Amino acid sequence: MIRVGPAGYPAGSKGGVDAVERVAALGFSALEVQFVRQAKMAEEKARALGERAKELDIMLSAHAPYYINFNSPNDETVRKSSEWILKTARIAHNMGAWVIVCHVAAYAGKVPSVATKKVTEGVGHCVEVLEGEGIKDVMIGLETMGKKGSWGTLHEISKVMDSVDGVVPVLDLAHLHARSGGGLRTVGDFEKVLGELEAFYSERVHCHFSSIEYTAAGERRHLDLGRKDPDFSMFAEVIKGKQVTVISETPVPEEGASEMLKILARTGKGR
């Protein structure tokens, strides 16, 4: 089943429960709750949001703060990176979200293998702490990144997954497109990406999609689907019959998600 929803509450939402109800009313079946500035939500509110989402069959995910960097030379930043992931995961657990999306490192002048080692250590520590707290239902999602200076290729993510359980890939197609200098131009290009992913991961795929502006250094800013750079209709063809959640990261996410539903309907899939 293909699920679609926005990144963040729809405009005008009055809290989490209202946001979930608006998501359902718009015909979506997923919502990514954003904690990109700070991971904070009272347990009571998180549980109420989660209960309403379950009633309405809305699959929840969450996005951790942007500041995480396990490859930082600053020990305090590394310590806080663990805290941000742990705080987000605890909220996700309370509201029944199955995955938290994380940007976990920059290369910071170091070779990629060094960054991968640091990410493996940091994420592994977080998983260990969460398991010690009895939280085993929340996956740490490592997102493919759009800037060439950021850690987060599919190969790098697979290396962490080789060593740490409780980790899943998050496929950001706009980021992959930007990082490759516009490499997703044909249906075959999208098939190649999914093939690379399926070589090491076979469960539900959590995705982000938008069009994107980019430079030689990679990602610059997210754009509406109408730019077709990359083209969502090509991705829609490739994910037919698969277990995929697609989160819209267009400038107005609910508008992007609505357009995704229309495109998916034309391919005969989606909700």
C-alpha atoms as a PDB file:
ATOM      1  CA  MET A   1       0.000   0.000   0.000  1.00  0.00           C
ATOM      2  CA  ILE A   2       1.184   3.485  -0.875  1.00  0.00           C
ATOM      3  CA  ARG A   3       0.586   6.121   1.791  1.00  0.00           C
ATOM      4  CA  VAL A   4       0.900   9.858   1.198  1.00  0.00           C
ATOM      5  CA  GLY A   5       0.974  12.820   3.545  1.00  0.00           C
ATOM      6  CA  PRO A   6       2.589  16.162   4.358  1.00  0.00           C
ATOM      7  CA  ALA A   7       5.704  17.112   6.291  1.00  0.00           C
ATOM      8  CA  GLY A   8       4.212  19.059   9.189  1.00  0.00           C
ATOM      9  CA  TYR A   9       0.718  20.013  10.273  1.00  0.00           C
ATOM     10  CA  PRO A  10      -1.585  21.426   7.560  1.00  0.00           C
ATOM     11  CA  ALA A  11      -1.977  25.194   7.642  1.00  0.00           C
ATOM     12  CA  GLY A  12      -4.407  26.397  10.290  1.00  0.00           C
ATOM     13  CA  SER A  13      -4.122  23.295  12.482  1.00  0.00           C
ATOM     14  CA  LYS A  14      -4.837  23.873  16.159  1.00  0.00           C
ATOM     15  CA  GLY A  15      -2.613  21.250  17.715  1.00  0.00           C
ATOM     16  CA  GLY A  16      -1.798  17.655  16.917  1.00  0.00           C
ATOM     17  CA  VAL A  17      -5.248  16.084  17.097  1.00  0.00           C
ATOM     18  CA  ASP A  18      -6.722  18.763  14.835  1.00  0.00           C
ATOM     19  CA  ALA A  19      -3.806  18.298  12.436  1.00  0.00           C
ATOM     20  CA  VAL A  20      -4.437  14.562  12.152  1.00  0.00           C
ATOM     21  CA  GLU A  21      -8.129  15.185  11.522  1.00  0.00           C
ATOM     22  CA  ARG A  22      -7.283  17.712   8.799  1.00  0.00           C
ATOM     23  CA  VAL A  23      -4.855  15.233   7.226  1.00  0.00           C
ATOM     24  CA  ALA A  24      -7.593  12.602   7.104  1.00  0.00           C
ATOM     25  CA  ALA A  25     -10.151  15.081   5.736  1.00  0.00           C
ATOM     26  CA  LEU A  26      -7.749  15.930   2.903  1.00  0.00           C
ATOM     27  CA  GLY A  27      -7.613  12.266   1.941  1.00  0.00           C
ATOM     28  CA  PHE A  28      -4.080  11.576   3.169  1.00  0.00           C
ATOM     29  CA  SER A  29      -2.959   8.488   5.080  1.00  0.00           C
ATOM     30  CA  ALA A  30       0.353   9.678   6.565  1.00  0.00           C
ATOM     31  CA  LEU A  31       1.757  12.605   8.526  1.00  0.00           C
ATOM     32  CA  GLU A  32       5.334  13.461   9.449  1.00  0.00           C
ATOM     33  CA  VAL A  33       5.359  15.487  12.667  1.00  0.00           C
ATOM     34  CA  GLN A  34       8.159  18.053  12.623  1.00  0.00           C
ATOM     35  CA  PHE A  35      10.554  18.527  15.547  1.00  0.00           C
ATOM     36  CA  VAL A  36      13.223  20.145  13.393  1.00  0.00           C
ATOM     37  CA  ARG A  37      13.823  23.061  15.795  1.00  0.00           C
ATOM     38  CA  GLN A  38      13.279  21.311  19.113  1.00  0.00           C
ATOM     39  CA  ALA A  39      12.007  17.918  20.246  1.00  0.00           C
ATOM     40  CA  LYS A  40       9.281  18.835  22.682  1.00  0.00           C
ATOM     41  CA  MET A  41       5.728  17.549  23.196  1.00  0.00           C
ATOM     42  CA  ALA A  42       3.949  16.658  26.415  1.00  0.00           C
ATOM     43  CA  GLU A  43       3.277  12.938  26.826  1.00  0.00           C
ATOM     44  CA  GLU A  44      -0.475  13.503  27.157  1.00  0.00           C
ATOM     45  CA  LYS A  45      -0.624  15.473  23.903  1.00  0.00           C
ATOM     46  CA  ALA A  46       1.544  12.935  22.073  1.00  0.00           C
ATOM     47  CA  ARG A  47      -0.679  10.060  23.167  1.00  0.00           C
ATOM     48  CA  ALA A  48      -3.851  11.932  22.187  1.00  0.00           C
ATOM     49  CA  LEU A  49      -2.384  12.666  18.739  1.00  0.00           C
ATOM     50  CA  GLY A  50      -1.391   9.038  18.326  1.00  0.00           C
ATOM     51  CA  GLU A  51      -4.749   7.658  19.416  1.00  0.00           C
ATOM     52  CA  ARG A  52      -6.606   9.865  16.938  1.00  0.00           C
ATOM     53  CA  ALA A  53      -4.166   8.940  14.166  1.00  0.00           C
ATOM     54  CA  LYS A  54      -4.778   5.258  14.851  1.00  0.00           C
ATOM     55  CA  GLU A  55      -8.556   5.774  14.731  1.00  0.00           C
ATOM     56  CA  LEU A  56      -8.232   7.519  11.360  1.00  0.00           C
ATOM     57  CA  ASP A  57      -5.598   5.109   9.968  1.00  0.00           C
ATOM     58  CA  ILE A  58      -2.931   7.800   9.621  1.00  0.00           C
ATOM     59  CA  MET A  59       0.619   6.427   9.683  1.00  0.00           C
ATOM     60  CA  LEU A  60       2.846   8.722  11.745  1.00  0.00           C
ATOM     61  CA  SER A  61       6.529   9.516  11.480  1.00  0.00           C
ATOM     62  CA  ALA A  62       8.588  12.277  13.067  1.00  0.00           C
ATOM     63  CA  HIS A  63      11.537  14.422  12.005  1.00  0.00           C
ATOM     64  CA  ALA A  64      14.327  14.990  14.526  1.00  0.00           C
ATOM     65  CA  PRO A  65      16.109  18.365  14.969  1.00  0.00           C
ATOM     66  CA  TYR A  66      18.398  19.543  12.180  1.00  0.00           C
ATOM     67  CA  TYR A  67      21.347  20.168  14.506  1.00  0.00           C
ATOM     68  CA  ILE A  68      22.492  16.541  14.855  1.00  0.00           C
ATOM     69  CA  ASN A  69      26.107  15.898  13.863  1.00  0.00           C
ATOM     70  CA  PHE A  70      27.840  12.807  15.194  1.00  0.00           C
ATOM     71  CA  ASN A  71      30.962  13.718  13.221  1.00  0.00           C
ATOM     72  CA  SER A  72      31.427  17.079  14.953  1.00  0.00           C
ATOM     73  CA  PRO A  73      34.861  17.790  16.495  1.00  0.00           C
ATOM     74  CA  ASN A  74      32.939  19.265  19.435  1.00  0.00           C
ATOM     75  CA  ASP A  75      32.187  16.576  22.045  1.00  0.00           C
ATOM     76  CA  GLU A  76      29.253  18.606  23.361  1.00  0.00           C
ATOM     77  CA  THR A  77      27.614  18.612  19.925  1.00  0.00           C
ATOM     78  CA  VAL A  78      28.008  14.840  19.730  1.00  0.00           C
ATOM     79  CA  ARG A  79      26.456  14.461  23.186  1.00  0.00           C
ATOM     80  CA  LYS A  80      23.565  16.745  22.289  1.00  0.00           C
ATOM     81  CA  SER A  81      23.082  14.851  19.014  1.00  0.00           C
ATOM     82  CA  SER A  82      22.277  11.750  21.033  1.00  0.00           C
ATOM     83  CA  GLU A  83      19.933  13.748  23.249  1.00  0.00           C
ATOM     84  CA  TRP A  84      18.014  15.160  20.259  1.00  0.00           C
ATOM     85  CA  ILE A  85      17.517  11.696  18.783  1.00  0.00           C
ATOM     86  CA  LEU A  86      16.504  10.214  22.125  1.00  0.00           C
ATOM     87  CA  LYS A  87      14.021  13.004  22.878  1.00  0.00           C
ATOM     88  CA  THR A  88      12.441  12.654  19.427  1.00  0.00           C
ATOM     89  CA  ALA A  89      12.252   8.870  19.728  1.00  0.00           C
ATOM     90  CA  ARG A  90      10.551   9.074  23.130  1.00  0.00           C
ATOM     91  CA  ILE A  91       7.898  11.429  21.731  1.00  0.00           C
ATOM     92  CA  ALA A  92       7.491   9.176  18.694  1.00  0.00           C
ATOM     93  CA  HIS A  93       6.971   6.206  20.991  1.00  0.00           C
ATOM     94  CA  ASN A  94       4.277   8.072  22.923  1.00  0.00           C
ATOM     95  CA  MET A  95       2.367   8.978  19.774  1.00  0.00           C
ATOM     96  CA  GLY A  96       2.896   5.663  17.967  1.00  0.00           C
ATOM     97  CA  ALA A  97       5.144   6.967  15.178  1.00  0.00           C
ATOM     98  CA  TRP A  98       7.179   4.123  13.705  1.00  0.00           C
ATOM     99  CA  VAL A  99      10.238   6.061  12.456  1.00  0.00           C
ATOM    100  CA  ILE A 100      12.134   9.239  13.272  1.00  0.00           C
ATOM    101  CA  VAL A 101      13.914  10.878  10.336  1.00  0.00           C
ATOM    102  CA  CYS A 102      17.427  12.129  11.079  1.00  0.00           C
ATOM    103  CA  HIS A 103      20.182  14.131   9.393  1.00  0.00           C
ATOM    104  CA  VAL A 104      23.108  12.710  11.326  1.00  0.00           C
ATOM    105  CA  ALA A 105      26.449  14.140  10.150  1.00  0.00           C
ATOM    106  CA  ALA A 106      28.561  16.358   7.922  1.00  0.00           C
ATOM    107  CA  TYR A 107      31.927  15.227   6.601  1.00  0.00           C
ATOM    108  CA  ALA A 108      33.645  18.282   8.114  1.00  0.00           C
ATOM    109  CA  GLY A 109      36.765  17.731   6.030  1.00  0.00           C
ATOM    110  CA  LYS A 110      37.092  14.086   7.056  1.00  0.00           C
ATOM    111  CA  VAL A 111      36.948  11.096   4.725  1.00  0.00           C
ATOM    112  CA  PRO A 112      33.479   9.491   4.487  1.00  0.00           C
ATOM    113  CA  SER A 113      34.582   6.303   6.242  1.00  0.00           C
ATOM    114  CA  VAL A 114      35.497   8.276   9.373  1.00  0.00           C
ATOM    115  CA  ALA A 115      32.079   9.947   9.394  1.00  0.00           C
ATOM    116  CA  THR A 116      30.386   6.572   8.910  1.00  0.00           C
ATOM    117  CA  LYS A 117      32.257   5.198  11.918  1.00  0.00           C
ATOM    118  CA  LYS A 118      31.147   8.140  14.061  1.00  0.00           C
ATOM    119  CA  VAL A 119      27.546   7.798  12.901  1.00  0.00           C
ATOM    120  CA  THR A 120      27.587   4.070  13.640  1.00  0.00           C
ATOM    121  CA  GLU A 121      28.862   4.731  17.160  1.00  0.00           C
ATOM    122  CA  GLY A 122      26.372   7.533  17.822  1.00  0.00           C
ATOM    123  CA  VAL A 123      23.315   5.789  16.433  1.00  0.00           C
ATOM    124  CA  GLY A 124      24.318   2.538  18.088  1.00  0.00           C
ATOM    125  CA  HIS A 125      24.459   4.295  21.449  1.00  0.00           C
ATOM    126  CA  CYS A 126      20.979   5.756  20.901  1.00  0.00           C
ATOM    127  CA  VAL A 127      19.517   2.356  20.032  1.00  0.00           C
ATOM    128  CA  GLU A 128      21.103   0.846  23.134  1.00  0.00           C
ATOM    129  CA  VAL A 129      19.638   3.553  25.389  1.00  0.00           C
ATOM    130  CA  LEU A 130      16.181   3.249  23.843  1.00  0.00           C
ATOM    131  CA  GLU A 131      16.167  -0.525  24.181  1.00  0.00           C
ATOM    132  CA  GLY A 132      17.168  -0.098  27.816  1.00  0.00           C
ATOM    133  CA  GLU A 133      14.066   2.069  28.261  1.00  0.00           C
ATOM    134  CA  GLY A 134      11.893  -0.561  26.606  1.00  0.00           C
ATOM    135  CA  ILE A 135      11.432   1.473  23.407  1.00  0.00           C
ATOM    136  CA  LYS A 136      11.781  -0.983  20.544  1.00  0.00           C
ATOM    137  CA  ASP A 137       8.926   0.167  18.289  1.00  0.00           C
ATOM    138  CA  VAL A 138      10.624   3.303  16.918  1.00  0.00           C
ATOM    139  CA  MET A 139      13.155   3.011  14.101  1.00  0.00           C
ATOM    140  CA  ILE A 140      15.948   5.536  13.609  1.00  0.00           C
ATOM    141  CA  GLY A 141      15.652   6.653   9.991  1.00  0.00           C
ATOM    142  CA  LEU A 142      18.846   7.800   8.278  1.00  0.00           C
ATOM    143  CA  GLU A 143      17.984  10.185   5.462  1.00  0.00           C
ATOM    144  CA  THR A 144      19.769  10.401   2.131  1.00  0.00           C
ATOM    145  CA  MET A 145      21.197  13.900   2.008  1.00  0.00           C
ATOM    146  CA  GLY A 146      21.277  16.484  -0.772  1.00  0.00           C
ATOM    147  CA  LYS A 147      24.502  18.403  -0.099  1.00  0.00           C
ATOM    148  CA  LYS A 148      27.784  16.858  -1.140  1.00  0.00           C
ATOM    149  CA  GLY A 149      29.313  17.914   2.178  1.00  0.00           C
ATOM    150  CA  SER A 150      26.690  15.975   4.164  1.00  0.00           C
ATOM    151  CA  TRP A 151      26.929  12.360   5.211  1.00  0.00           C
ATOM    152  CA  GLY A 152      24.093  10.261   3.833  1.00  0.00           C
ATOM    153  CA  THR A 153      24.447   8.207   0.670  1.00  0.00           C
ATOM    154  CA  LEU A 154      22.599   4.913   0.370  1.00  0.00           C
ATOM    155  CA  HIS A 155      25.921   3.076   0.579  1.00  0.00           C
ATOM    156  CA  GLU A 156      26.857   4.892   3.794  1.00  0.00           C
ATOM    157  CA  ILE A 157      23.455   4.199   5.327  1.00  0.00           C
ATOM    158  CA  SER A 158      23.750   0.502   4.454  1.00  0.00           C
ATOM    159  CA  LYS A 159      27.096   0.354   6.287  1.00  0.00           C
ATOM    160  CA  VAL A 160      25.498   1.622   9.493  1.00  0.00           C
ATOM    161  CA  MET A 161      22.648  -0.871   9.107  1.00  0.00           C
ATOM    162  CA  ASP A 162      25.201  -3.675   8.811  1.00  0.00           C
ATOM    163  CA  SER A 163      26.299  -2.904  12.379  1.00  0.00           C
ATOM    164  CA  VAL A 164      23.231  -1.496  14.149  1.00  0.00           C
ATOM    165  CA  ASP A 165      19.731  -2.967  14.445  1.00  0.00           C
ATOM    166  CA  GLY A 166      16.743  -0.656  14.731  1.00  0.00           C
ATOM    167  CA  VAL A 167      17.865   1.537  11.823  1.00  0.00           C
ATOM    168  CA  VAL A 168      16.113   2.066   8.473  1.00  0.00           C
ATOM    169  CA  PRO A 169      16.904   4.142   5.381  1.00  0.00           C
ATOM    170  CA  VAL A 170      14.836   7.217   4.509  1.00  0.00           C
ATOM    171  CA  LEU A 171      14.831   7.824   0.788  1.00  0.00           C
ATOM    172  CA  ASP A 172      14.746  11.534  -0.077  1.00  0.00           C
ATOM    173  CA  LEU A 173      14.451  11.581  -3.858  1.00  0.00           C
ATOM    174  CA  ALA A 174      14.923  15.334  -4.184  1.00  0.00           C
ATOM    175  CA  HIS A 175      18.155  15.084  -2.205  1.00  0.00           C
ATOM    176  CA  LEU A 176      19.447  12.239  -4.363  1.00  0.00           C
ATOM    177  CA  HIS A 177      18.554  14.220  -7.474  1.00  0.00           C
ATOM    178  CA  ALA A 178      20.385  17.319  -6.251  1.00  0.00           C
ATOM    179  CA  ARG A 179      23.453  15.465  -5.003  1.00  0.00           C
ATOM    180  CA  SER A 180      23.853  13.725  -8.365  1.00  0.00           C
ATOM    181  CA  GLY A 181      23.521  16.974 -10.314  1.00  0.00           C
ATOM    182  CA  GLY A 182      20.075  16.091 -11.634  1.00  0.00           C
ATOM    183  CA  GLY A 183      20.582  12.357 -11.950  1.00  0.00           C
ATOM    184  CA  LEU A 184      16.925  11.293 -11.743  1.00  0.00           C
ATOM    185  CA  ARG A 185      15.730  11.981 -15.277  1.00  0.00           C
ATOM    186  CA  THR A 186      14.084   8.731 -16.403  1.00  0.00           C
ATOM    187  CA  VAL A 187      11.977   5.929 -14.982  1.00  0.00           C
ATOM    188  CA  GLY A 188      15.106   3.808 -15.263  1.00  0.00           C
ATOM    189  CA  ASP A 189      16.987   6.213 -12.989  1.00  0.00           C
ATOM    190  CA  PHE A 190      14.353   5.786 -10.279  1.00  0.00           C
ATOM    191  CA  GLU A 191      14.369   2.012 -10.769  1.00  0.00           C
ATOM    192  CA  LYS A 192      18.122   1.998 -10.255  1.00  0.00           C
ATOM    193  CA  VAL A 193      17.782   3.834  -6.929  1.00  0.00           C
ATOM    194  CA  LEU A 194      15.109   1.427  -5.688  1.00  0.00           C
ATOM    195  CA  GLY A 195      17.228  -1.498  -6.822  1.00  0.00           C
ATOM    196  CA  GLU A 196      20.184  -0.189  -4.818  1.00  0.00           C
ATOM    197  CA  LEU A 197      17.918   0.236  -1.792  1.00  0.00           C
ATOM    198  CA  GLU A 198      16.297  -3.187  -2.114  1.00  0.00           C
ATOM    199  CA  ALA A 199      19.723  -4.813  -2.174  1.00  0.00           C
ATOM    200  CA  PHE A 200      19.970  -4.211   1.585  1.00  0.00           C
ATOM    201  CA  TYR A 201      16.433  -3.301   2.750  1.00  0.00           C
ATOM    202  CA  SER A 202      13.101  -4.986   2.038  1.00  0.00           C
ATOM    203  CA  GLU A 203      10.539  -3.476   4.447  1.00  0.00           C
ATOM    204  CA  ARG A 204       8.220  -0.449   4.050  1.00  0.00           C
ATOM    205  CA  VAL A 205      10.113   2.408   2.437  1.00  0.00           C
ATOM    206  CA  HIS A 206       9.748   5.851   3.992  1.00  0.00           C
ATOM    207  CA  CYS A 207      10.314   8.567   1.360  1.00  0.00           C
ATOM    208  CA  HIS A 208      10.450  12.327   0.989  1.00  0.00           C
ATOM    209  CA  PHE A 209       9.686  13.951  -2.355  1.00  0.00           C
ATOM    210  CA  SER A 210       9.592  17.428  -3.900  1.00  0.00           C
ATOM    211  CA  SER A 211      11.194  19.165  -6.812  1.00  0.00           C
ATOM    212  CA  ILE A 212      14.450  20.866  -5.882  1.00  0.00           C
ATOM    213  CA  GLU A 213      16.808  23.666  -6.857  1.00  0.00           C
ATOM    214  CA  TYR A 214      20.467  22.706  -6.710  1.00  0.00           C
ATOM    215  CA  THR A 215      23.997  23.872  -7.479  1.00  0.00           C
ATOM    216  CA  ALA A 216      27.314  22.105  -8.007  1.00  0.00           C
ATOM    217  CA  ALA A 217      27.438  21.661  -4.207  1.00  0.00           C
ATOM    218  CA  GLY A 218      24.025  19.945  -4.169  1.00  0.00           C
ATOM    219  CA  GLU A 219      20.690  20.922  -2.648  1.00  0.00           C
ATOM    220  CA  ARG A 220      19.642  24.564  -2.411  1.00  0.00           C
ATOM    221  CA  ARG A 221      15.867  24.645  -1.760  1.00  0.00           C
ATOM    222  CA  HIS A 222      12.748  22.518  -2.181  1.00  0.00           C
ATOM    223  CA  LEU A 223      10.250  23.417  -4.906  1.00  0.00           C
ATOM    224  CA  ASP A 224       6.708  22.546  -6.033  1.00  0.00           C
ATOM    225  CA  LEU A 225       6.081  19.311  -7.933  1.00  0.00           C
ATOM    226  CA  GLY A 226       5.165  21.314 -11.019  1.00  0.00           C
ATOM    227  CA  ARG A 227       8.841  21.951 -11.694  1.00  0.00           C
ATOM    228  CA  LYS A 228       9.231  18.213 -12.420  1.00  0.00           C
ATOM    229  CA  ASP A 229      12.852  18.324 -11.288  1.00  0.00           C
ATOM    230  CA  PRO A 230      12.658  15.450 -10.434  1.00  0.00           C
ATOM    231  CA  ASP A 231       9.349  14.289 -11.896  1.00  0.00           C
ATOM    232  CA  PHE A 232       7.038  12.603  -9.378  1.00  0.00           C
ATOM    233  CA  SER A 233       5.052  10.852 -12.122  1.00  0.00           C
ATOM    234  CA  MET A 234       8.135   8.756 -12.936  1.00  0.00           C
ATOM    235  CA  PHE A 235       8.554   7.771  -9.298  1.00  0.00           C
ATOM    236  CA  ALA A 236       4.834   6.922  -9.123  1.00  0.00           C
ATOM    237  CA  GLU A 237       5.335   4.405 -11.926  1.00  0.00           C
ATOM    238  CA  VAL A 238       8.224   2.756 -10.115  1.00  0.00           C
ATOM    239  CA  ILE A 239       6.465   2.314  -6.738  1.00  0.00           C
ATOM    240  CA  LYS A 240       3.330   0.612  -8.091  1.00  0.00           C
ATOM    241  CA  GLY A 241       2.384  -2.275  -5.820  1.00  0.00           C
ATOM    242  CA  LYS A 242       5.093  -1.527  -3.244  1.00  0.00           C
ATOM    243  CA  GLN A 243       4.896  -0.746   0.475  1.00  0.00           C
ATOM    244  CA  VAL A 244       5.876   2.922   0.396  1.00  0.00           C
ATOM    245  CA  THR A 245       5.096   6.056   2.389  1.00  0.00           C
ATOM    246  CA  VAL A 246       5.680   9.322   0.532  1.00  0.00           C
ATOM    247  CA  ILE A 247       5.960  12.554   2.519  1.00  0.00           C
ATOM    248  CA  SER A 248       5.587  15.818   0.611  1.00  0.00           C
ATOM    249  CA  GLU A 249       8.319  18.377   1.311  1.00  0.00           C
ATOM    250  CA  THR A 250       7.105  20.953  -1.192  1.00  0.00           C
ATOM    251  CA  PRO A 251       6.878  24.591   0.039  1.00  0.00           C
ATOM    252  CA  VAL A 252       3.213  23.965   0.941  1.00  0.00           C
ATOM    253  CA  PRO A 253       3.366  20.269   1.853  1.00  0.00           C
ATOM    254  CA  GLU A 254      -0.370  19.535   1.825  1.00  0.00           C
ATOM    255  CA  GLU A 255      -0.650  20.968  -1.707  1.00  0.00           C
ATOM    256  CA  GLY A 256       2.206  18.776  -2.837  1.00  0.00           C
ATOM    257  CA  ALA A 257       0.622  15.737  -1.184  1.00  0.00           C
ATOM    258  CA  SER A 258      -2.693  16.433  -2.949  1.00  0.00           C
ATOM    259  CA  GLU A 259      -0.920  16.583  -6.294  1.00  0.00           C
ATOM    260  CA  MET A 260       0.847  13.303  -5.479  1.00  0.00           C
ATOM    261  CA  LEU A 261      -2.516  11.627  -4.872  1.00  0.00           C
ATOM    262  CA  LYS A 262      -3.781  12.824  -8.249  1.00  0.00           C
ATOM    263  CA  ILE A 263      -0.692  11.496 -10.016  1.00  0.00           C
ATOM    264  CA  LEU A 264      -0.868   8.181  -8.176  1.00  0.00           C
ATOM    265  CA  ALA A 265      -4.568   7.855  -9.062  1.00  0.00           C
ATOM    266  CA  ARG A 266      -3.627   8.170 -12.718  1.00  0.00           C
ATOM    267  CA  THR A 267      -1.251   5.245 -12.300  1.00  0.00           C
ATOM    268  CA  GLY A 268      -4.005   3.192 -10.620  1.00  0.00           C
ATOM    269  CA  LYS A 269      -2.437   3.161  -7.132  1.00  0.00           C
ATOM    270  CA  GLY A 270      -2.418   5.227  -3.967  1.00  0.00           C
ATOM    271  CA  ARG A 271      -5.066   6.684  -1.723  1.00  0.00           C
END
